[in-house]
Protein backbone atom coordinates (compact mmCIF):
# COMPACT_ATOMS: atom_id res chain seq x y z
CA ASP A 1 -181.17 -33.27 -31.74
CA SER A 2 -179.05 -36.43 -31.59
CA GLY A 3 -179.99 -37.04 -27.97
CA ASN A 4 -183.67 -37.07 -28.87
CA PHE A 5 -183.01 -39.44 -31.77
CA ILE A 6 -181.26 -41.86 -29.41
CA LEU A 7 -184.17 -41.71 -26.97
CA GLN A 8 -186.71 -42.31 -29.74
CA ARG A 9 -184.72 -45.28 -31.08
CA ALA A 10 -184.64 -46.79 -27.59
CA GLN A 11 -188.40 -46.43 -27.25
CA LEU A 12 -189.29 -48.22 -30.50
CA PRO A 13 -188.90 -51.83 -29.28
CA ILE A 14 -190.89 -50.97 -26.16
CA ALA A 15 -193.68 -49.49 -28.28
CA ASN A 16 -193.66 -52.63 -30.41
CA GLU A 17 -194.03 -54.80 -27.31
CA LEU A 18 -196.98 -52.63 -26.29
CA LYS A 19 -198.44 -53.12 -29.79
CA LYS A 20 -198.32 -49.40 -30.52
CA TYR A 21 -197.48 -50.19 -34.12
CA LYS A 22 -198.65 -46.93 -35.71
CA GLU A 23 -196.55 -44.99 -33.23
CA VAL A 24 -193.53 -47.15 -34.11
CA ILE A 25 -194.08 -46.46 -37.80
CA ASP A 26 -194.61 -42.69 -37.39
CA VAL A 27 -191.52 -42.21 -35.24
CA GLY A 28 -189.45 -44.82 -37.06
CA GLU A 29 -190.04 -43.46 -40.54
CA LYS A 30 -188.94 -40.01 -39.35
CA LEU A 31 -185.80 -41.52 -37.88
CA LEU A 32 -185.10 -43.41 -41.10
CA ARG A 33 -185.10 -40.17 -43.07
CA ASN A 34 -181.99 -39.29 -41.08
CA GLY A 35 -180.28 -42.58 -41.92
CA ALA A 36 -180.95 -46.32 -42.22
CA ASP A 37 -180.18 -47.43 -38.68
CA GLY A 38 -180.31 -51.23 -38.40
CA ASN A 39 -182.26 -51.34 -35.15
CA VAL A 40 -184.81 -48.84 -36.43
CA LEU A 41 -185.26 -50.83 -39.63
CA LYS A 42 -185.87 -53.96 -37.59
CA ASP A 43 -188.44 -52.32 -35.32
CA VAL A 44 -190.31 -50.47 -38.05
CA GLY A 45 -190.36 -53.56 -40.27
CA LYS A 46 -191.84 -55.55 -37.39
CA ALA A 47 -194.57 -52.95 -36.95
CA TYR A 48 -195.43 -53.02 -40.64
CA PHE A 49 -195.57 -56.82 -40.49
CA ALA A 50 -197.94 -56.67 -37.52
CA LEU A 51 -200.22 -54.33 -39.49
CA LYS A 52 -200.03 -56.65 -42.51
CA ASN A 53 -198.23 -54.14 -44.70
CA TYR A 54 -196.05 -56.93 -46.03
CA LYS A 55 -194.66 -54.99 -48.98
CA ARG A 56 -193.17 -52.28 -46.79
CA CYS A 57 -191.92 -54.86 -44.31
CA ILE A 58 -190.02 -56.56 -47.12
CA GLU A 59 -188.59 -53.24 -48.36
CA LEU A 60 -187.17 -52.43 -44.94
CA TYR A 61 -185.88 -55.91 -44.24
CA LYS A 62 -184.25 -56.00 -47.67
CA LEU A 63 -182.21 -53.00 -46.51
CA LEU A 64 -181.17 -54.98 -43.44
CA GLU A 65 -180.15 -57.88 -45.65
CA ASP A 66 -178.12 -55.53 -47.87
CA MET A 67 -176.34 -54.36 -44.71
CA ASP A 68 -175.73 -58.01 -43.75
CA LEU A 69 -177.73 -57.48 -40.57
CA GLN A 70 -180.37 -60.15 -41.18
CA ASN A 71 -181.05 -62.87 -38.66
CA GLU A 72 -183.30 -65.90 -38.38
CA THR A 73 -186.34 -63.84 -37.27
CA ILE A 74 -185.92 -61.24 -40.03
CA LEU A 75 -185.72 -63.94 -42.71
CA TYR A 76 -188.73 -65.71 -41.21
CA TYR A 77 -190.83 -62.53 -41.41
CA MET A 78 -189.70 -62.02 -44.99
CA SER A 79 -190.73 -65.53 -45.95
CA ILE A 80 -194.19 -65.07 -44.43
CA SER A 81 -194.54 -61.65 -46.05
CA TYR A 82 -193.78 -63.05 -49.48
CA ARG A 83 -196.21 -65.89 -48.83
CA GLU A 84 -198.96 -63.46 -47.89
CA LEU A 85 -198.26 -61.55 -51.11
CA LYS A 86 -198.56 -64.89 -52.95
CA ASN A 87 -194.98 -64.69 -54.20
CA TYR A 88 -194.37 -68.32 -53.40
CA ASP A 89 -190.97 -68.62 -55.10
CA MET A 90 -189.52 -65.86 -52.94
CA ALA A 91 -191.35 -67.23 -49.90
CA ALA A 92 -189.68 -70.61 -50.44
CA SER A 93 -186.30 -68.97 -50.99
CA TYR A 94 -186.51 -67.08 -47.70
CA ALA A 95 -187.86 -70.12 -45.88
CA LYS A 96 -184.66 -71.93 -46.92
CA LYS A 97 -182.57 -68.95 -45.82
CA THR A 98 -184.36 -69.03 -42.46
CA VAL A 99 -183.45 -72.68 -41.98
CA GLU A 100 -179.82 -72.06 -42.95
CA GLU A 101 -179.57 -69.05 -40.62
CA GLY A 102 -181.04 -71.05 -37.75
CA ILE A 103 -178.64 -73.97 -38.06
CA SER A 104 -175.27 -73.71 -36.34
CA PRO A 105 -172.36 -74.73 -38.59
CA ASN A 106 -171.07 -76.71 -35.61
CA ILE A 107 -173.99 -79.16 -35.53
CA PRO A 108 -172.10 -81.88 -37.49
CA LEU A 109 -169.34 -81.59 -34.88
CA TYR A 110 -171.86 -82.02 -32.07
CA TYR A 111 -173.35 -85.12 -33.69
CA SER A 112 -169.84 -86.48 -34.16
CA LEU A 113 -169.30 -86.03 -30.43
CA LEU A 114 -172.60 -87.77 -29.67
CA GLY A 115 -171.73 -90.64 -32.01
CA GLY A 116 -168.39 -91.07 -30.28
CA ILE A 117 -170.10 -91.27 -26.90
CA TYR A 118 -172.46 -93.97 -28.21
CA GLU A 119 -169.40 -95.86 -29.50
CA GLU A 120 -167.84 -95.75 -26.06
CA LYS A 121 -171.06 -97.26 -24.69
CA ASN A 122 -171.00 -99.95 -27.42
CA GLN A 123 -174.31 -98.64 -28.76
CA HIS A 124 -173.25 -98.95 -32.38
CA THR A 125 -176.66 -98.54 -33.97
CA ASN A 126 -177.15 -95.29 -32.07
CA ALA A 127 -173.64 -94.17 -33.02
CA ILE A 128 -174.37 -94.71 -36.70
CA ALA A 129 -177.67 -92.86 -36.43
CA ALA A 130 -175.94 -89.89 -34.75
CA TYR A 131 -173.16 -89.79 -37.32
CA LYS A 132 -175.58 -89.95 -40.25
CA LYS A 133 -177.76 -87.26 -38.69
CA GLY A 134 -174.70 -85.05 -38.44
CA LEU A 135 -174.03 -85.43 -42.15
CA THR A 136 -177.53 -84.12 -42.97
CA PHE A 137 -176.46 -80.73 -41.55
CA GLY A 138 -173.31 -80.47 -43.63
CA PRO A 139 -170.07 -82.20 -44.54
CA TYR A 140 -167.77 -83.20 -41.71
CA LYS A 141 -164.86 -85.35 -42.84
CA THR A 142 -164.27 -87.17 -39.55
CA ILE A 143 -167.82 -88.54 -39.57
CA HIS A 144 -167.19 -90.50 -42.78
CA TYR A 145 -164.10 -92.04 -41.20
CA ARG A 146 -165.88 -92.92 -37.96
CA LEU A 147 -168.75 -94.52 -39.87
CA ALA A 148 -166.28 -96.61 -41.84
CA LEU A 149 -164.65 -97.87 -38.65
CA VAL A 150 -167.95 -98.73 -36.97
CA TYR A 151 -169.22 -100.66 -39.98
CA ASP A 152 -165.83 -102.30 -40.51
CA PHE A 153 -164.95 -103.44 -37.01
CA LYS A 154 -168.03 -103.16 -34.81
CA LEU A 155 -170.66 -104.48 -37.22
CA ASN A 156 -168.40 -106.55 -39.47
CA GLN A 157 -169.82 -105.01 -42.64
CA PRO A 158 -166.68 -104.25 -44.68
CA LYS A 159 -168.56 -103.60 -47.93
CA THR A 160 -170.55 -100.83 -46.29
CA ALA A 161 -167.38 -99.57 -44.60
CA LEU A 162 -165.76 -99.38 -48.03
CA THR A 163 -168.29 -96.73 -49.07
CA TYR A 164 -167.41 -94.51 -46.13
CA TYR A 165 -163.65 -94.98 -46.47
CA ASN A 166 -163.99 -93.78 -50.05
CA GLN A 167 -166.19 -90.86 -49.03
CA TYR A 168 -163.65 -89.87 -46.41
CA LEU A 169 -160.85 -89.78 -48.97
CA LYS A 170 -163.02 -87.86 -51.45
CA SER A 171 -163.66 -85.22 -48.78
CA LYS A 172 -159.99 -84.17 -49.10
CA PRO A 173 -158.92 -84.59 -45.47
CA GLU A 174 -156.23 -82.32 -44.05
CA ALA A 175 -152.55 -83.22 -44.20
CA ASN A 176 -152.46 -83.67 -40.42
CA GLU A 177 -154.80 -86.66 -40.85
CA LYS A 178 -152.05 -88.64 -42.55
CA SER A 179 -152.49 -91.78 -40.45
CA GLN A 180 -156.25 -91.91 -41.12
CA ILE A 181 -155.69 -91.30 -44.83
CA GLU A 182 -153.12 -94.07 -45.11
CA TYR A 183 -155.21 -96.45 -43.06
CA SER A 184 -158.28 -95.80 -45.22
CA LYS A 185 -156.27 -96.57 -48.35
CA THR A 186 -154.95 -99.76 -46.78
CA ARG A 187 -158.39 -100.98 -45.74
CA ILE A 188 -159.88 -100.17 -49.14
CA ALA A 189 -157.21 -102.35 -50.76
CA GLU A 190 -157.79 -105.16 -48.25
CA ILE A 191 -161.57 -105.10 -48.61
CA ASN A 192 -161.29 -105.15 -52.38
CA GLN A 193 -158.95 -108.13 -52.11
CA PRO A 194 -160.61 -110.27 -49.41
CA LYS A 195 -158.12 -113.12 -49.81
CA SER A 196 -155.23 -110.91 -48.78
CA SER A 197 -154.17 -110.66 -45.15
CA LYS A 198 -156.33 -108.49 -42.92
CA THR A 199 -154.84 -105.63 -40.94
CA GLY A 200 -156.35 -104.94 -37.54
CA LEU A 201 -157.22 -101.48 -36.28
CA THR A 202 -154.31 -99.98 -34.39
CA SER A 203 -154.62 -97.56 -31.52
CA ASP A 204 -153.63 -94.50 -33.56
CA GLN A 205 -156.56 -94.97 -35.92
CA ASN A 206 -159.11 -94.27 -33.15
């Protein structure tokens, strides 16, 4: 009876919230014999975790992972389950996966935005801190370039700026960043030859 199956699936998360874990497992395991539904796997795995049956929790959540239906919470439960089973290598591996799942790939972009706002307020130390924090969450080419400009022209530290100009070029910027690429090359040459004439920052480099 497909209608009954749908009703039972809908009741599982409610039963979990009411801590009726054995009921979730009894009904859920029957449902799973008719197919590995992602929502059922999630609910039954949670019930097993609550009852400290960590091995079965892992088995069910592994199926979710194979279906590419894992999320931050699922990976967190898996890490704890492995830890409770004293499989510390797997616990560490899933702890790392939990962190990666929980971090938005856009965070470097957000820190770049924050750094730019601090620049506008002439809070250069805060801008640098924001940019560097952004880089800890992943590569973002523009951040290297912005750091170079802040060190070069706001803090008058060309040697430090040189490092970030080079990092920007090594990050293989897109072709549409031609002006930034050329400017970085020019400044690298000027910094390495301090007796040569200095070129100021033009408006199209900002």
